[in-house]
Structure formats: structure tokens, C-alpha cells
Amino acid sequence: MMGDTIVMSLAGADTSRAEATERLGLLFDTHNGRLYNLARRLTRSAEEARDAVQDTFLRAARSPQSIPWGMPHEEAWLVRVLINICKDGWRKQAVRSRMAAVPPPAIDRGGAEAELVARSTIWRALESLPPRRRAILVMYEIEGAAIPAIAQLLGVRAVTVRWHLSVGRRELARVIGKAT
């Protein structure tokens, strides 16, 4: 059924249906793993990550003519779409969490429970950051991406990425300090 939706949405594209379908298949085969890994680090669960990647490829299927050609360009486009989808989710989640603000649990410094609480505290701290800053911190600190690569993927200058990292680290330290 999902394949039918994609094929129907390609009918108005500039390229032929078969070419667009083949290109989307190649894009999926090439970039699905990378996008899932990034989405997994930007979302709270594997299910949310799969949904974000699926939404990314659905957007690509709706307008395949807008995807640039060439490996670094198409990957950058897909990453930007994925991050925008995650930003939308973060905004929705921020509204929900403001409506039901719950104080953080007390931190116990030992055992598996402490690890779970620490992870929860870090996720809450990350959620408090603006979407772009959060994405940059996750790509740099968790995924280990280089600053020039992040800048290229997001279409910004390296100095902007460094600024977001600096400000984001300070904001995380402040939020985590309040939670403990």
C-alpha cells in the first residue's frame, strides 16, 4: 500500500515514473542506514527514528525533482529534511511537555537506575535546546561527525557550527546542573 502511495505521488514529477522510482530506491539503499543512525540519536525510540526516516523518504517521493544530484548534495538534502522532520517533532513535544511539566526525579548515584536517570536527564536537557543546536550537538558529540561535515550537511559555515557547539554545551551544563 505504501508503494502505491509513492508511485501515485510521482505521477506529477518532471522525471518519468520509472526513473524517479529507481532513483528513490537507490537513494534509500544508499542513505537509509546513515539516516536511521542519525534519527536514532535525535529521537527517543527506534520507532520514532524509523518514522522520521520514512517521512524523509516520503517527502523525497513527493518531489523527487527537488533532490539534488550527486552523493554529497543528495545526502545533505536528505539530512536536512530528516532534521526538519525531527525539529517538527521536538516542537510538538515541547508544547506537550509545557502543558504537563513534571519535576525531574532525584538522582541516585549508583546502579542501573542511576544510568537510566542520567540518560533521562540528558535527553530532557537536549530537548530544551533549540532544534538546530540540538542536532549539531548530537551529530558532533554522539555521532562523532566533524565540524566541516556538519556545516556542509546543514548548509551553514563551520564557524556557525562551532558557535552552536559552544553555546549548546553551556546550555546543557546549566540545564543539567538545575536537574541534579
Protein backbone atom coordinates (compact mmCIF):
# COMPACT_ATOMS: atom_id res chain seq x y z
CA MET A 1 0.00 0.00 0.00
CA MET A 2 2.82 2.41 0.83
CA GLY A 3 4.40 1.68 -2.55
CA ASP A 4 1.15 2.64 -4.27
CA THR A 5 1.14 5.98 -2.48
CA ILE A 6 4.69 6.72 -3.56
CA VAL A 7 4.05 5.76 -7.18
CA MET A 8 0.89 7.87 -7.30
CA SER A 9 2.70 10.87 -5.88
CA LEU A 10 5.39 10.56 -8.53
CA ALA A 11 2.91 10.88 -11.37
CA GLY A 12 3.22 14.70 -11.45
CA ALA A 13 7.01 14.76 -11.26
CA ASP A 14 9.17 16.14 -14.06
CA THR A 15 11.02 12.84 -14.46
CA SER A 16 9.36 9.69 -15.66
CA ARG A 17 7.74 7.48 -13.04
CA ALA A 18 10.17 4.60 -13.59
CA GLU A 19 13.27 6.82 -13.36
CA ALA A 20 12.01 8.51 -10.22
CA THR A 21 11.11 5.20 -8.61
CA GLU A 22 14.52 3.76 -9.45
CA ARG A 23 16.31 6.84 -8.10
CA LEU A 24 14.30 6.74 -4.86
CA GLY A 25 15.21 3.08 -4.47
CA LEU A 26 18.89 3.87 -4.95
CA LEU A 27 18.68 6.79 -2.51
CA PHE A 28 17.03 4.53 0.05
CA ASP A 29 19.62 1.77 -0.39
CA THR A 30 22.48 4.27 -0.16
CA HIS A 31 21.33 6.54 2.66
CA ASN A 32 18.83 4.61 4.78
CA GLY A 33 21.41 3.32 7.26
CA ARG A 34 23.07 6.71 7.80
CA LEU A 35 19.72 8.47 8.15
CA TYR A 36 18.43 5.88 10.61
CA ASN A 37 21.55 6.18 12.76
CA LEU A 38 21.19 9.96 12.85
CA ALA A 39 17.44 9.76 13.51
CA ARG A 40 18.01 7.25 16.30
CA ARG A 41 20.26 9.74 18.03
CA LEU A 42 17.81 12.58 17.51
CA THR A 43 14.71 10.74 18.71
CA ARG A 44 13.74 8.92 21.89
CA SER A 45 12.99 5.49 20.39
CA ALA A 46 13.73 3.22 17.46
CA GLU A 47 10.11 3.55 16.36
CA GLU A 48 10.33 7.36 16.23
CA ALA A 49 13.58 7.05 14.29
CA ARG A 50 12.02 4.71 11.72
CA ASP A 51 9.05 7.06 11.37
CA ALA A 52 11.35 10.04 10.81
CA VAL A 53 13.34 8.20 8.12
CA GLN A 54 10.11 7.02 6.48
CA ASP A 55 8.78 10.60 6.48
CA THR A 56 12.06 11.75 4.93
CA PHE A 57 11.72 9.35 2.03
CA LEU A 58 8.03 10.14 1.64
CA ARG A 59 8.92 13.81 1.23
CA ALA A 60 11.55 12.78 -1.30
CA ALA A 61 8.94 10.72 -3.15
CA ARG A 62 6.52 13.64 -3.26
CA SER A 63 9.03 15.88 -5.01
CA PRO A 64 11.90 13.83 -6.46
CA GLN A 65 12.82 16.66 -8.82
CA SER A 66 13.89 18.79 -5.83
CA ILE A 67 16.57 16.29 -4.73
CA PRO A 68 19.96 17.46 -5.99
CA TRP A 69 22.15 15.06 -7.92
CA GLY A 70 25.45 13.76 -6.63
CA MET A 71 26.46 11.97 -3.46
CA PRO A 72 27.28 14.84 -1.08
CA HIS A 73 24.39 17.00 -2.28
CA GLU A 74 21.68 14.37 -2.12
CA GLU A 75 22.84 13.21 1.30
CA ALA A 76 22.87 16.79 2.59
CA TRP A 77 19.33 17.30 1.26
CA LEU A 78 18.08 14.12 2.94
CA VAL A 79 19.80 15.00 6.24
CA ARG A 80 18.26 18.50 6.20
CA VAL A 81 14.82 17.02 5.55
CA LEU A 82 15.31 14.50 8.37
CA ILE A 83 16.44 17.22 10.78
CA ASN A 84 13.47 19.38 9.83
CA ILE A 85 11.13 16.45 10.49
CA CYS A 86 12.79 15.94 13.88
CA LYS A 87 12.50 19.67 14.61
CA ASP A 88 8.77 19.48 13.95
CA GLY A 89 8.53 16.55 16.36
CA TRP A 90 10.55 18.39 19.00
CA ARG A 91 8.30 21.42 18.73
CA LYS A 92 5.20 19.27 19.19
CA GLN A 93 6.81 17.51 22.11
CA ALA A 94 7.86 20.82 23.69
CA VAL A 95 4.27 22.03 23.60
CA ARG A 96 3.07 18.81 25.21
CA SER A 97 5.74 18.90 27.90
CA ARG A 98 4.98 22.53 28.77
CA MET A 99 1.40 21.51 29.32
CA ALA A 100 2.38 18.71 31.68
CA ALA A 101 5.60 19.91 33.36
CA VAL A 102 6.90 17.29 35.74
CA PRO A 103 9.86 17.92 38.06
CA PRO A 104 12.88 15.68 37.36
CA PRO A 105 13.39 12.70 39.66
CA ALA A 106 16.11 12.80 42.31
CA ILE A 107 19.36 11.29 41.07
CA ASP A 108 20.70 8.20 42.83
CA ARG A 109 24.41 7.82 42.09
CA GLY A 110 24.56 4.00 41.88
CA GLY A 111 23.45 1.16 39.65
CA ALA A 112 21.37 0.75 36.51
CA GLU A 113 18.66 3.03 37.84
CA ALA A 114 21.18 5.87 38.10
CA GLU A 115 22.19 5.30 34.48
CA LEU A 116 18.58 5.43 33.39
CA VAL A 117 18.01 8.64 35.35
CA ALA A 118 21.20 10.16 33.88
CA ARG A 119 20.08 9.32 30.33
CA SER A 120 16.67 10.77 31.04
CA THR A 121 18.23 13.95 32.42
CA ILE A 122 20.45 14.31 29.36
CA TRP A 123 17.50 13.77 26.98
CA ARG A 124 15.47 16.37 28.85
CA ALA A 125 18.41 18.77 28.69
CA LEU A 126 18.80 18.14 24.94
CA GLU A 127 15.08 18.73 24.42
CA SER A 128 15.44 22.17 25.99
CA LEU A 129 17.86 23.26 23.25
CA PRO A 130 16.75 24.92 20.03
CA PRO A 131 16.38 22.30 17.26
CA ARG A 132 19.42 23.26 15.19
CA ARG A 133 21.69 23.41 18.24
CA ARG A 134 20.41 20.05 19.43
CA ALA A 135 21.03 18.47 16.02
CA ILE A 136 24.58 19.88 15.87
CA LEU A 137 25.41 18.64 19.38
CA VAL A 138 24.06 15.18 18.63
CA MET A 139 25.94 14.91 15.33
CA TYR A 140 29.22 16.15 16.86
CA GLU A 141 29.20 14.73 20.39
CA ILE A 142 27.31 11.46 19.89
CA GLU A 143 27.88 10.57 16.24
CA GLY A 144 31.42 11.95 16.10
CA ALA A 145 30.86 13.91 12.88
CA ALA A 146 33.49 16.53 12.04
CA ILE A 147 32.62 20.22 12.12
CA PRO A 148 33.16 20.74 8.35
CA ALA A 149 30.94 17.75 7.57
CA ILE A 150 28.16 19.07 9.83
CA ALA A 151 28.46 22.50 8.25
CA GLN A 152 28.18 21.03 4.77
CA LEU A 153 25.21 18.83 5.69
CA LEU A 154 23.31 21.72 7.25
CA GLY A 155 24.32 24.30 4.68
CA VAL A 156 25.97 26.63 7.22
CA ARG A 157 29.52 27.82 7.84
CA ALA A 158 31.90 25.93 10.14
CA VAL A 159 32.08 28.92 12.48
CA THR A 160 28.31 28.69 12.95
CA VAL A 161 28.62 25.01 13.90
CA ARG A 162 31.40 25.84 16.42
CA TRP A 163 29.25 28.63 17.90
CA HIS A 164 26.27 26.30 18.31
CA LEU A 165 28.53 23.71 19.96
CA SER A 166 29.91 26.25 22.41
CA VAL A 167 26.55 27.74 23.34
CA GLY A 168 24.87 24.33 23.39
CA ARG A 169 27.42 22.87 25.80
CA ARG A 170 26.94 25.80 28.18
CA GLU A 171 23.16 25.47 27.99
CA LEU A 172 23.34 21.72 28.61
CA ALA A 173 25.59 22.23 31.64
CA ARG A 174 23.18 24.84 33.02
CA VAL A 175 20.09 22.64 32.50
CA ILE A 176 21.75 19.51 33.87
CA GLY A 177 23.06 21.49 36.86
CA LYS A 178 19.50 22.51 37.71
CA ALA A 179 18.26 18.90 37.41
CA THR A 180 20.74 17.49 39.92
